[in-house]
Protein backbone atom coordinates (compact mmCIF):
# COMPACT_ATOMS: atom_id res chain seq x y z
CA MET A 1 74.55 99.49 153.86
CA ARG A 2 72.93 101.63 156.55
CA ARG A 3 75.01 103.64 159.01
CA THR A 4 73.73 101.63 161.99
CA GLU A 5 74.87 98.39 160.34
CA LEU A 6 78.26 99.88 159.56
CA ASP A 7 78.60 101.02 163.17
CA ARG A 8 77.73 97.53 164.38
CA PHE A 9 80.36 95.97 162.08
CA ARG A 10 82.92 98.61 163.13
CA LYS A 11 82.39 97.77 166.80
CA ARG A 12 82.72 94.04 166.13
CA LEU A 13 85.90 94.59 164.13
CA GLU A 14 87.41 96.83 166.79
CA ALA A 15 86.57 94.32 169.54
CA LYS A 16 88.11 91.47 167.54
CA ARG A 17 91.20 93.57 166.84
CA HIS A 18 91.63 94.23 170.56
CA GLN A 19 91.16 90.53 171.37
CA VAL A 20 93.74 89.47 168.77
CA GLN A 21 96.27 92.02 169.98
CA GLU A 22 95.90 90.66 173.50
CA LEU A 23 96.57 87.13 172.21
CA VAL A 24 99.69 88.31 170.38
CA GLN A 25 100.93 90.08 173.50
CA ALA A 26 100.28 86.99 175.63
CA ALA A 27 102.19 84.81 173.15
CA ARG A 28 105.07 87.28 173.12
CA THR A 29 105.17 87.36 176.93
CA THR A 30 105.09 83.58 177.20
CA GLU A 31 107.87 83.26 174.64
CA SER A 32 110.09 85.77 176.42
CA GLN A 33 109.55 84.05 179.78
CA HIS A 34 110.51 80.65 178.37
CA GLY A 35 113.38 81.99 176.31
CA ASP A 36 115.25 83.38 179.29
CA THR A 37 116.14 80.05 180.87
CA GLU A 38 118.91 77.68 179.92
CA THR A 39 117.58 74.14 179.92
CA PRO A 40 120.28 71.47 180.05
CA ASP A 41 117.93 68.58 179.29
CA LEU A 42 117.68 67.81 175.57
CA GLY A 43 113.98 66.95 175.80
CA ASP A 44 113.21 70.19 177.61
CA ARG A 45 115.15 72.19 175.03
CA ALA A 46 113.22 70.49 172.24
CA THR A 47 109.94 71.29 173.99
CA ASP A 48 111.02 74.91 174.46
CA ALA A 49 111.99 75.16 170.79
CA PHE A 50 108.65 73.69 169.75
CA ASN A 51 106.78 76.12 172.01
CA ARG A 52 108.70 79.06 170.54
CA GLU A 53 107.82 77.92 167.02
CA VAL A 54 104.14 77.60 167.90
CA SER A 55 104.17 81.01 169.57
CA TYR A 56 105.84 82.55 166.52
CA SER A 57 103.30 80.93 164.20
CA VAL A 58 100.42 82.25 166.31
CA ARG A 59 101.85 85.76 166.22
CA ILE A 60 102.24 85.69 162.43
CA THR A 61 98.70 84.39 161.93
CA GLU A 62 97.24 86.89 164.36
CA ARG A 63 99.15 89.80 162.78
CA ASP A 64 97.69 88.83 159.42
CA LEU A 65 94.21 88.89 160.97
CA VAL A 66 94.88 92.35 162.44
CA ARG A 67 95.86 93.55 158.94
CA ARG A 68 92.62 92.14 157.52
CA ILE A 69 90.61 93.81 160.27
CA ASP A 70 92.40 97.13 159.69
CA ARG A 71 91.67 96.83 155.97
CA ALA A 72 87.96 96.25 156.72
CA LEU A 73 87.91 99.25 159.07
CA GLY A 74 89.46 101.33 156.28
CA GLN A 75 86.77 100.13 153.88
CA ILE A 76 84.10 101.26 156.33
CA GLU A 77 85.72 104.70 156.40
CA ASN A 78 86.03 105.01 152.62
CA GLY A 79 82.59 103.59 151.84
CA THR A 80 83.63 100.34 150.17
CA TYR A 81 82.89 97.95 153.04
CA GLY A 82 80.74 95.01 152.05
CA LYS A 83 81.79 94.99 148.40
CA CYS A 84 83.73 92.06 146.95
CA VAL A 85 87.21 93.17 145.88
CA SER A 86 87.04 90.82 142.90
CA CYS A 87 83.58 91.10 141.33
CA LYS A 88 82.44 94.27 143.17
CA LYS A 89 79.12 92.67 144.13
CA THR A 90 77.68 93.14 147.59
CA ILE A 91 78.87 90.59 150.15
CA HIS A 92 75.87 89.04 151.90
CA LYS A 93 75.33 90.30 155.43
CA ALA A 94 75.30 86.74 156.76
CA ARG A 95 78.87 86.32 155.48
CA LEU A 96 79.95 89.64 156.98
CA THR A 97 78.32 88.68 160.26
CA ALA A 98 80.33 85.45 160.31
CA VAL A 99 83.55 86.98 158.95
CA PRO A 100 83.37 90.78 159.25
CA TRP A 101 86.79 91.18 157.61
CA ALA A 102 85.73 89.21 154.50
CA ARG A 103 87.09 90.71 151.29
CA TYR A 104 85.32 88.39 148.87
CA CYS A 105 81.73 87.32 148.32
CA ILE A 106 81.19 83.61 148.90
CA GLU A 107 81.32 82.79 145.19
CA CYS A 108 84.66 84.54 144.65
CA GLN A 109 86.06 83.09 147.90
CA GLU A 110 85.24 79.59 146.66
CA LEU A 111 87.03 80.34 143.37
CA LEU A 112 90.00 81.68 145.32
CA ASP A 113 90.10 78.62 147.56
CA ARG A 114 90.21 76.38 144.47
CA GLY A 115 92.96 78.50 142.93
CA GLU A 116 90.72 79.67 140.11
CA LEU A 117 90.80 83.35 141.01
């Protein structure tokens, strides 16, 4: 992959990482604001509990995405970006454009999704 393409993917990954971190921070802020109040109404407490669970789930999912992005950035640095971690074939640029943190080529991803890899 050419240096200009790698730079373009690096910039996209860094921008997505920043965006995800902002979402995690917003979820954390919202959770702390709602967690500080005592709500006597049972329905309100249930709603607050549900909102905390959703916020927690979002943070976990987003942290996983940050890890994947960081892994892709590391692959750019060590020269392995764009190679499938399973079969070692080149991941198509269209796939990387859609999912720049992709670790698998489309064929291996399909096998993984079916539990065959």
